[in-house]
Amino acid sequence: MPSKNVRLIGIGLLVMVLGFVLMLGGGSSDPNVFNPDMFNARRIVLAPIVICIGIAVIIVGIMRKPKNEEEQ
């Protein structure tokens, strides 16, 4: 069973991947046509917030000192 720190890092990576998935799409196949969906709130507000949360979880997973575990 992995330690809690490793689980936190894994959860943070999954949250970051979710943020990048939220950023996908919005482009146009025709370069002469402007697609305003590229600048919706999900892509420019929600996705970066989700990615920052993932980074924070990874930092906590790295910096957290394990409790009652023998150091290896």
N, C-alpha and C. Protein backbone atom coordinates (compact mmCIF):
# COMPACT_ATOMS: atom_id res chain seq x y z
N MET A 1 0.86 -1.18 0.00
CA MET A 1 0.00 0.00 0.00
C MET A 1 0.89 1.24 0.00
N PRO A 2 0.70 2.14 -0.95
CA PRO A 2 1.54 3.33 -1.00
C PRO A 2 1.24 4.26 0.18
N SER A 3 2.23 5.05 0.52
CA SER A 3 2.05 5.97 1.65
C SER A 3 1.08 7.08 1.27
N LYS A 4 0.65 7.82 2.27
CA LYS A 4 -0.32 8.88 2.04
C LYS A 4 0.26 9.97 1.14
N ASN A 5 1.56 10.20 1.26
CA ASN A 5 2.20 11.23 0.41
C ASN A 5 2.13 10.84 -1.06
N VAL A 6 2.39 9.57 -1.36
CA VAL A 6 2.33 9.11 -2.75
C VAL A 6 0.91 9.21 -3.28
N ARG A 7 -0.06 8.86 -2.45
CA ARG A 7 -1.46 8.98 -2.86
C ARG A 7 -1.83 10.44 -3.13
N LEU A 8 -1.36 11.37 -2.29
CA LEU A 8 -1.64 12.78 -2.52
C LEU A 8 -1.03 13.27 -3.83
N ILE A 9 0.17 12.84 -4.13
CA ILE A 9 0.81 13.23 -5.38
C ILE A 9 0.02 12.67 -6.57
N GLY A 10 -0.43 11.44 -6.47
CA GLY A 10 -1.23 10.85 -7.54
C GLY A 10 -2.55 11.56 -7.73
N ILE A 11 -3.21 11.91 -6.64
CA ILE A 11 -4.47 12.66 -6.72
C ILE A 11 -4.23 14.03 -7.35
N GLY A 12 -3.14 14.68 -6.97
CA GLY A 12 -2.81 15.98 -7.55
C GLY A 12 -2.57 15.89 -9.05
N LEU A 13 -1.89 14.84 -9.48
CA LEU A 13 -1.66 14.66 -10.92
C LEU A 13 -2.97 14.43 -11.66
N LEU A 14 -3.88 13.63 -11.07
CA LEU A 14 -5.17 13.41 -11.71
C LEU A 14 -5.99 14.70 -11.80
N VAL A 15 -5.93 15.53 -10.76
CA VAL A 15 -6.65 16.80 -10.78
C VAL A 15 -6.07 17.72 -11.86
N MET A 16 -4.74 17.70 -12.00
CA MET A 16 -4.12 18.51 -13.06
C MET A 16 -4.53 18.03 -14.44
N VAL A 17 -4.58 16.73 -14.65
CA VAL A 17 -5.02 16.19 -15.94
C VAL A 17 -6.46 16.61 -16.21
N LEU A 18 -7.31 16.57 -15.19
CA LEU A 18 -8.69 17.03 -15.34
C LEU A 18 -8.74 18.49 -15.78
N GLY A 19 -7.88 19.32 -15.21
CA GLY A 19 -7.83 20.73 -15.60
C GLY A 19 -7.43 20.90 -17.05
N PHE A 20 -6.45 20.12 -17.52
CA PHE A 20 -6.05 20.21 -18.92
C PHE A 20 -7.15 19.69 -19.85
N VAL A 21 -7.89 18.68 -19.41
CA VAL A 21 -9.02 18.18 -20.22
C VAL A 21 -10.09 19.25 -20.32
N LEU A 22 -10.31 20.00 -19.24
CA LEU A 22 -11.30 21.08 -19.29
C LEU A 22 -10.90 22.18 -20.27
N MET A 23 -9.60 22.32 -20.56
CA MET A 23 -9.14 23.34 -21.49
C MET A 23 -9.27 22.92 -22.95
N LEU A 24 -9.51 21.65 -23.21
CA LEU A 24 -9.54 21.16 -24.58
C LEU A 24 -10.69 21.75 -25.39
N GLY A 25 -10.50 21.78 -26.70
CA GLY A 25 -11.56 22.17 -27.62
C GLY A 25 -11.65 23.66 -27.85
N GLY A 26 -12.70 24.04 -28.57
CA GLY A 26 -12.94 25.45 -28.82
C GLY A 26 -12.29 25.99 -30.07
N GLY A 27 -11.49 25.19 -30.72
CA GLY A 27 -10.83 25.65 -31.93
C GLY A 27 -11.76 25.54 -33.13
N SER A 28 -11.30 26.03 -34.25
CA SER A 28 -12.08 25.98 -35.48
C SER A 28 -11.25 25.29 -36.55
N SER A 29 -11.90 24.45 -37.35
CA SER A 29 -11.18 23.77 -38.42
C SER A 29 -10.90 24.72 -39.59
N ASP A 30 -11.69 25.77 -39.71
CA ASP A 30 -11.49 26.76 -40.78
C ASP A 30 -10.81 27.99 -40.18
N PRO A 31 -9.60 28.35 -40.63
CA PRO A 31 -8.90 29.49 -40.02
C PRO A 31 -9.57 30.84 -40.28
N ASN A 32 -10.50 30.91 -41.21
CA ASN A 32 -11.18 32.17 -41.52
C ASN A 32 -12.42 32.39 -40.66
N VAL A 33 -12.79 31.41 -39.85
CA VAL A 33 -13.99 31.50 -39.01
C VAL A 33 -13.56 31.60 -37.56
N PHE A 34 -14.07 32.63 -36.87
CA PHE A 34 -13.76 32.82 -35.44
C PHE A 34 -14.78 32.07 -34.61
N ASN A 35 -14.30 31.30 -33.66
CA ASN A 35 -15.18 30.55 -32.77
C ASN A 35 -15.10 31.17 -31.37
N PRO A 36 -16.15 31.86 -30.92
CA PRO A 36 -16.11 32.50 -29.59
C PRO A 36 -16.11 31.51 -28.43
N ASP A 37 -16.41 30.22 -28.70
CA ASP A 37 -16.38 29.22 -27.62
C ASP A 37 -14.98 29.02 -27.06
N MET A 38 -13.96 29.48 -27.79
CA MET A 38 -12.59 29.34 -27.32
C MET A 38 -12.37 30.15 -26.03
N PHE A 39 -13.14 31.20 -25.83
CA PHE A 39 -12.95 32.08 -24.68
C PHE A 39 -14.09 31.99 -23.67
N ASN A 40 -14.65 30.79 -23.49
CA ASN A 40 -15.72 30.69 -22.49
C ASN A 40 -15.13 30.54 -21.09
N ALA A 41 -15.97 30.65 -20.08
CA ALA A 41 -15.50 30.68 -18.69
C ALA A 41 -14.87 29.36 -18.25
N ARG A 42 -15.32 28.26 -18.83
CA ARG A 42 -14.73 26.97 -18.43
C ARG A 42 -13.25 26.91 -18.79
N ARG A 43 -12.89 27.45 -19.94
CA ARG A 43 -11.50 27.36 -20.40
C ARG A 43 -10.59 28.42 -19.79
N ILE A 44 -11.10 29.61 -19.52
CA ILE A 44 -10.20 30.67 -19.04
C ILE A 44 -10.30 30.94 -17.54
N VAL A 45 -11.29 30.32 -16.86
CA VAL A 45 -11.40 30.53 -15.41
C VAL A 45 -11.33 29.20 -14.66
N LEU A 46 -12.22 28.28 -14.99
CA LEU A 46 -12.32 27.04 -14.23
C LEU A 46 -11.10 26.14 -14.39
N ALA A 47 -10.66 25.92 -15.62
CA ALA A 47 -9.53 25.01 -15.86
C ALA A 47 -8.24 25.47 -15.17
N PRO A 48 -7.84 26.75 -15.25
CA PRO A 48 -6.63 27.15 -14.52
C PRO A 48 -6.76 27.01 -13.00
N ILE A 49 -7.95 27.24 -12.47
CA ILE A 49 -8.15 27.07 -11.03
C ILE A 49 -7.98 25.60 -10.65
N VAL A 50 -8.53 24.70 -11.46
CA VAL A 50 -8.40 23.26 -11.18
C VAL A 50 -6.93 22.85 -11.26
N ILE A 51 -6.20 23.36 -12.23
CA ILE A 51 -4.77 23.04 -12.35
C ILE A 51 -3.99 23.56 -11.14
N CYS A 52 -4.29 24.76 -10.69
CA CYS A 52 -3.61 25.31 -9.50
C CYS A 52 -3.92 24.48 -8.25
N ILE A 53 -5.15 24.00 -8.13
CA ILE A 53 -5.50 23.13 -7.00
C ILE A 53 -4.69 21.84 -7.07
N GLY A 54 -4.54 21.29 -8.28
CA GLY A 54 -3.73 20.08 -8.44
C GLY A 54 -2.28 20.31 -8.06
N ILE A 55 -1.73 21.45 -8.44
CA ILE A 55 -0.35 21.78 -8.07
C ILE A 55 -0.22 21.91 -6.56
N ALA A 56 -1.21 22.54 -5.92
CA ALA A 56 -1.18 22.69 -4.46
C ALA A 56 -1.22 21.34 -3.77
N VAL A 57 -2.04 20.41 -4.28
CA VAL A 57 -2.13 19.08 -3.68
C VAL A 57 -0.80 18.34 -3.83
N ILE A 58 -0.15 18.49 -4.98
CA ILE A 58 1.16 17.85 -5.19
C ILE A 58 2.19 18.43 -4.23
N ILE A 59 2.18 19.74 -4.05
CA ILE A 59 3.13 20.37 -3.12
C ILE A 59 2.90 19.87 -1.70
N VAL A 60 1.64 19.75 -1.29
CA VAL A 60 1.33 19.22 0.05
C VAL A 60 1.83 17.79 0.15
N GLY A 61 1.64 17.00 -0.90
CA GLY A 61 2.09 15.61 -0.88
C GLY A 61 3.60 15.50 -0.78
N ILE A 62 4.32 16.45 -1.36
CA ILE A 62 5.77 16.42 -1.30
C ILE A 62 6.27 16.93 0.06
N MET A 63 5.68 17.99 0.57
CA MET A 63 6.20 18.64 1.77
C MET A 63 5.69 18.02 3.08
N ARG A 64 4.61 17.27 3.05
CA ARG A 64 4.02 16.73 4.27
C ARG A 64 4.95 15.71 4.90
N LYS A 65 5.14 15.86 6.19
CA LYS A 65 5.98 14.93 6.93
C LYS A 65 5.11 13.75 7.37
N PRO A 66 5.52 12.52 7.05
CA PRO A 66 4.70 11.37 7.43
C PRO A 66 4.65 11.20 8.94
N LYS A 67 3.49 10.76 9.43
CA LYS A 67 3.30 10.54 10.86
C LYS A 67 3.42 9.04 11.16
N ASN A 68 4.12 8.71 12.23
CA ASN A 68 4.23 7.34 12.73
C ASN A 68 4.72 6.34 11.69
N GLU A 69 5.52 6.78 10.77
CA GLU A 69 6.11 5.86 9.80
C GLU A 69 7.61 5.92 9.94
N GLU A 70 8.23 4.78 9.80
CA GLU A 70 9.68 4.75 9.88
C GLU A 70 10.27 5.35 8.61
N GLU A 71 11.28 6.18 8.79
CA GLU A 71 11.93 6.77 7.62
C GLU A 71 12.80 5.71 6.98
N GLN A 72 12.77 5.72 5.65
CA GLN A 72 13.52 4.69 4.91
C GLN A 72 14.72 5.29 4.25
